[in-house]
N, C-alpha and C. Protein backbone atom coordinates (compact mmCIF):
# COMPACT_ATOMS: atom_id res chain seq x y z
N MET A 1 3.51 51.89 -87.23
CA MET A 1 4.70 51.02 -86.58
C MET A 1 5.26 51.44 -85.35
N GLU A 2 5.50 52.81 -85.34
CA GLU A 2 6.13 53.25 -84.08
C GLU A 2 5.15 53.41 -83.08
N LEU A 3 3.83 53.66 -83.47
CA LEU A 3 2.88 53.52 -82.14
C LEU A 3 2.50 52.26 -81.78
N ALA A 4 2.46 51.37 -82.55
CA ALA A 4 2.45 49.85 -81.96
C ALA A 4 3.85 49.60 -81.07
N LYS A 5 5.06 50.03 -81.48
CA LYS A 5 6.09 49.64 -80.60
C LYS A 5 6.06 50.52 -79.22
N ALA A 6 5.50 51.66 -79.16
CA ALA A 6 5.19 52.47 -78.19
C ALA A 6 4.21 51.91 -77.33
N LEU A 7 3.04 51.17 -77.75
CA LEU A 7 1.91 50.69 -76.95
C LEU A 7 2.57 49.52 -76.42
N ILE A 8 3.43 48.61 -77.03
CA ILE A 8 3.96 47.47 -76.49
C ILE A 8 4.67 47.69 -75.27
N LEU A 9 5.64 48.78 -75.44
CA LEU A 9 6.59 49.00 -74.37
C LEU A 9 5.83 49.76 -73.33
N MET A 10 4.68 50.52 -73.35
CA MET A 10 3.90 50.90 -72.54
C MET A 10 3.07 49.97 -71.69
N GLY A 11 2.71 48.79 -72.36
CA GLY A 11 1.90 47.75 -71.83
C GLY A 11 2.81 47.03 -70.95
N CYS A 12 4.08 46.64 -71.38
CA CYS A 12 5.05 46.02 -70.78
C CYS A 12 5.43 46.55 -69.48
N ALA A 13 5.62 47.95 -69.37
CA ALA A 13 5.85 48.81 -68.17
C ALA A 13 4.98 48.92 -67.25
N ILE A 14 3.71 49.01 -67.71
CA ILE A 14 2.51 48.94 -66.71
C ILE A 14 2.39 47.76 -66.22
N GLY A 15 2.45 46.52 -66.99
CA GLY A 15 2.37 45.21 -66.42
C GLY A 15 3.41 45.02 -65.28
N ALA A 16 4.75 45.29 -65.80
CA ALA A 16 5.72 45.13 -64.67
C ALA A 16 5.40 45.97 -63.38
N GLY A 17 5.00 47.20 -63.43
CA GLY A 17 4.58 47.78 -62.31
C GLY A 17 3.60 47.27 -61.45
N ILE A 18 2.60 46.47 -62.17
CA ILE A 18 1.45 45.96 -61.49
C ILE A 18 2.09 44.63 -60.76
N ALA A 19 2.73 43.93 -61.62
CA ALA A 19 3.39 42.76 -61.00
C ALA A 19 4.24 43.13 -59.72
N MET A 20 4.83 44.09 -59.69
CA MET A 20 5.80 44.53 -58.36
C MET A 20 4.92 44.81 -57.32
N ILE A 21 3.64 45.11 -57.40
CA ILE A 21 2.75 45.30 -56.33
C ILE A 21 2.40 44.39 -55.60
N SER A 22 2.64 42.99 -56.35
CA SER A 22 2.39 41.68 -55.72
C SER A 22 3.32 41.53 -54.41
N GLY A 23 4.00 42.27 -54.29
CA GLY A 23 5.05 42.15 -53.10
C GLY A 23 4.42 42.44 -51.77
N PHE A 24 3.30 43.17 -51.64
CA PHE A 24 2.53 43.67 -50.43
C PHE A 24 1.97 42.35 -49.83
N GLY A 25 1.29 41.65 -50.63
CA GLY A 25 0.67 40.42 -50.15
C GLY A 25 1.35 39.67 -49.20
N PRO A 26 2.70 39.02 -49.86
CA PRO A 26 3.38 38.34 -48.95
C PRO A 26 3.98 38.82 -47.61
N GLY A 27 4.25 40.08 -47.71
CA GLY A 27 4.78 40.77 -46.53
C GLY A 27 3.77 40.98 -45.53
N ILE A 28 2.46 41.21 -45.81
CA ILE A 28 1.37 41.18 -44.90
C ILE A 28 1.09 39.75 -44.29
N GLY A 29 1.27 38.85 -45.12
CA GLY A 29 0.98 37.40 -44.75
C GLY A 29 2.17 37.04 -43.99
N GLU A 30 3.35 37.20 -44.29
CA GLU A 30 4.43 36.85 -43.35
C GLU A 30 4.36 37.39 -42.03
N GLY A 31 4.17 38.71 -42.05
CA GLY A 31 3.86 39.33 -40.67
C GLY A 31 2.75 38.79 -39.86
N TYR A 32 1.81 38.28 -40.49
CA TYR A 32 0.53 37.71 -39.69
C TYR A 32 0.93 36.44 -39.19
N ILE A 33 1.66 35.52 -40.07
CA ILE A 33 2.09 34.40 -39.58
C ILE A 33 3.00 34.26 -38.35
N ALA A 34 3.97 35.20 -38.49
CA ALA A 34 5.08 35.41 -37.49
C ALA A 34 4.33 35.95 -36.04
N GLY A 35 3.40 36.76 -36.30
CA GLY A 35 2.74 37.23 -35.19
C GLY A 35 1.76 36.16 -34.47
N LYS A 36 1.24 35.43 -35.14
CA LYS A 36 0.41 34.19 -34.65
C LYS A 36 1.21 33.20 -34.02
N ALA A 37 2.65 33.15 -34.68
CA ALA A 37 3.40 31.95 -33.96
C ALA A 37 4.09 32.50 -32.67
N ILE A 38 4.29 33.82 -32.62
CA ILE A 38 4.80 34.34 -31.41
C ILE A 38 3.79 34.26 -30.29
N GLU A 39 2.56 34.56 -30.77
CA GLU A 39 1.40 34.57 -29.60
C GLU A 39 1.27 33.09 -29.45
N ALA A 40 1.31 32.19 -30.16
CA ALA A 40 1.27 30.70 -29.73
C ALA A 40 2.19 30.32 -28.94
N MET A 41 3.49 30.75 -29.17
CA MET A 41 4.68 30.32 -28.31
C MET A 41 4.57 30.95 -27.16
N SER A 42 4.17 32.13 -27.02
CA SER A 42 3.82 32.53 -25.45
C SER A 42 2.77 31.92 -24.63
N ARG A 43 2.01 31.33 -25.24
CA ARG A 43 0.82 30.50 -24.58
C ARG A 43 1.21 29.01 -24.22
N GLN A 44 1.99 28.50 -25.22
CA GLN A 44 2.64 27.25 -24.97
C GLN A 44 4.23 27.16 -25.13
N PRO A 45 5.01 27.45 -24.32
CA PRO A 45 6.46 27.60 -24.75
C PRO A 45 7.01 26.20 -25.00
N GLU A 46 6.48 25.20 -24.54
CA GLU A 46 6.90 23.84 -24.90
C GLU A 46 6.75 23.50 -26.36
N MET A 47 5.92 24.12 -27.04
CA MET A 47 5.66 23.82 -28.49
C MET A 47 6.55 24.64 -29.41
N LYS A 48 7.75 25.28 -28.94
CA LYS A 48 8.37 26.33 -29.59
C LYS A 48 9.07 25.54 -31.13
N GLY A 49 9.62 24.54 -30.71
CA GLY A 49 10.11 23.85 -32.13
C GLY A 49 9.23 23.47 -32.99
N GLU A 50 8.13 22.98 -32.74
CA GLU A 50 7.07 22.55 -33.87
C GLU A 50 6.49 23.67 -34.35
N LEU A 51 6.20 24.78 -33.47
CA LEU A 51 5.47 26.05 -34.12
C LEU A 51 6.58 26.77 -35.14
N THR A 52 7.86 26.68 -34.58
CA THR A 52 8.92 27.40 -35.58
C THR A 52 8.89 26.80 -36.83
N SER A 53 9.04 25.55 -37.01
CA SER A 53 9.27 24.80 -38.13
C SER A 53 7.88 25.06 -39.05
N THR A 54 6.58 25.00 -38.41
CA THR A 54 5.55 25.18 -39.29
C THR A 54 5.54 26.74 -39.73
N MET A 55 5.98 27.62 -38.78
CA MET A 55 5.89 29.17 -39.28
C MET A 55 6.76 29.28 -40.40
N LEU A 56 8.02 28.65 -40.31
CA LEU A 56 8.94 28.79 -41.43
C LEU A 56 8.36 28.28 -42.92
N LEU A 57 7.67 27.17 -42.58
CA LEU A 57 7.14 26.69 -43.91
C LEU A 57 5.93 27.40 -44.44
N GLY A 58 5.12 27.96 -43.56
CA GLY A 58 4.22 28.94 -43.92
C GLY A 58 4.59 30.20 -44.57
N ILE A 59 5.63 30.81 -43.91
CA ILE A 59 6.36 31.94 -44.67
C ILE A 59 6.96 31.70 -46.00
N ALA A 60 7.61 30.41 -45.99
CA ALA A 60 8.22 30.10 -47.49
C ALA A 60 6.95 29.91 -48.38
N CYS A 61 5.92 29.47 -48.15
CA CYS A 61 4.83 29.31 -49.12
C CYS A 61 4.24 30.74 -49.48
N ALA A 62 4.20 31.65 -48.57
CA ALA A 62 3.74 32.85 -48.67
C ALA A 62 4.55 33.65 -49.65
N GLU A 63 5.95 33.49 -49.42
CA GLU A 63 6.78 34.33 -50.16
C GLU A 63 6.96 33.83 -51.63
N THR A 64 6.57 32.59 -51.88
CA THR A 64 6.51 32.33 -53.36
C THR A 64 5.82 33.20 -54.32
N THR A 65 4.71 33.66 -53.73
CA THR A 65 3.81 34.39 -54.54
C THR A 65 4.57 35.98 -54.85
N GLY A 66 5.38 36.25 -53.98
CA GLY A 66 6.09 37.63 -54.21
C GLY A 66 7.18 37.28 -55.23
N ILE A 67 7.74 36.28 -55.15
CA ILE A 67 8.86 35.78 -56.07
C ILE A 67 8.24 35.52 -57.37
N TYR A 68 6.95 35.07 -57.69
CA TYR A 68 6.49 34.96 -58.94
C TYR A 68 6.13 36.30 -59.54
N GLY A 69 5.63 37.24 -58.76
CA GLY A 69 5.31 38.51 -59.20
C GLY A 69 6.63 39.30 -59.54
N PHE A 70 7.69 38.93 -58.67
CA PHE A 70 9.02 39.59 -59.24
C PHE A 70 9.59 39.12 -60.44
N VAL A 71 9.49 37.76 -60.80
CA VAL A 71 10.04 37.23 -61.91
C VAL A 71 9.23 37.71 -63.20
N THR A 72 7.86 37.64 -62.95
CA THR A 72 6.88 38.27 -63.94
C THR A 72 7.33 39.62 -64.44
N GLY A 73 7.48 40.51 -63.34
CA GLY A 73 8.01 41.91 -63.69
C GLY A 73 9.18 41.96 -64.30
N LEU A 74 10.31 41.12 -64.07
CA LEU A 74 11.55 41.22 -64.67
C LEU A 74 11.45 40.53 -66.30
N LEU A 75 10.38 39.60 -66.36
CA LEU A 75 10.18 38.91 -67.64
C LEU A 75 9.59 40.16 -68.44
N LEU A 76 8.77 40.88 -68.01
CA LEU A 76 7.91 41.97 -68.60
C LEU A 76 8.91 43.03 -69.19
N ILE A 77 9.75 43.29 -68.31
CA ILE A 77 10.85 44.38 -68.56
C ILE A 77 11.89 43.85 -69.63
N PHE A 78 12.50 42.85 -69.44
CA PHE A 78 13.54 42.51 -70.21
C PHE A 78 13.28 41.61 -71.44
N LEU A 79 12.35 40.60 -71.20
CA LEU A 79 12.24 39.74 -72.30
C LEU A 79 10.98 39.98 -73.24
N ALA A 80 9.87 40.31 -72.62
CA ALA A 80 8.54 40.52 -73.52
C ALA A 80 8.54 41.62 -74.67
N PRO A 81 9.20 42.71 -74.39
CA PRO A 81 9.05 43.71 -75.46
C PRO A 81 9.84 42.93 -76.78
N GLY A 82 11.03 42.28 -76.70
CA GLY A 82 11.67 41.95 -77.79
C GLY A 82 10.89 40.80 -78.55
N MET A 83 10.10 39.91 -77.65
CA MET A 83 9.23 38.88 -78.11
C MET A 83 8.03 39.53 -78.79
N PHE A 84 7.57 40.82 -78.40
CA PHE A 84 6.59 41.14 -79.19
C PHE A 84 6.82 42.04 -80.49
N MET A 85 7.99 42.70 -80.29
CA MET A 85 8.39 43.29 -81.44
C MET A 85 8.67 42.64 -82.77
N LYS A 86 9.18 41.42 -82.57
CA LYS A 86 9.40 40.49 -83.65
C LYS A 86 8.19 40.22 -84.59
N TYR A 87 6.90 40.15 -83.81
CA TYR A 87 5.76 40.07 -84.54
C TYR A 87 5.38 41.16 -85.46
N LEU A 88 6.09 42.28 -85.16
CA LEU A 88 5.66 43.65 -85.98
C LEU A 88 6.41 43.72 -87.32
N ALA A 89 7.35 43.15 -87.36
CA ALA A 89 8.32 43.10 -88.47
C ALA A 89 7.61 42.31 -89.78
């Protein structure tokens, strides 16, 4: 019984750690989006308003994957161990 509890806690901790790694992807994607938008604005300054709104929409879409990973990590740390432990009793 104690081994099962330890394995559940270990699995939740490892899963939460892996979920936190998902923050790297949005960071890279947002940097790439912003860099390309700046590059486009330097070529055509009159398109600044349209490029800015499109860039912000792209950044918001990219950020959602990081938020999903963060929420998944929090759920694995705080909620999942208790849910799995009740099945052992």
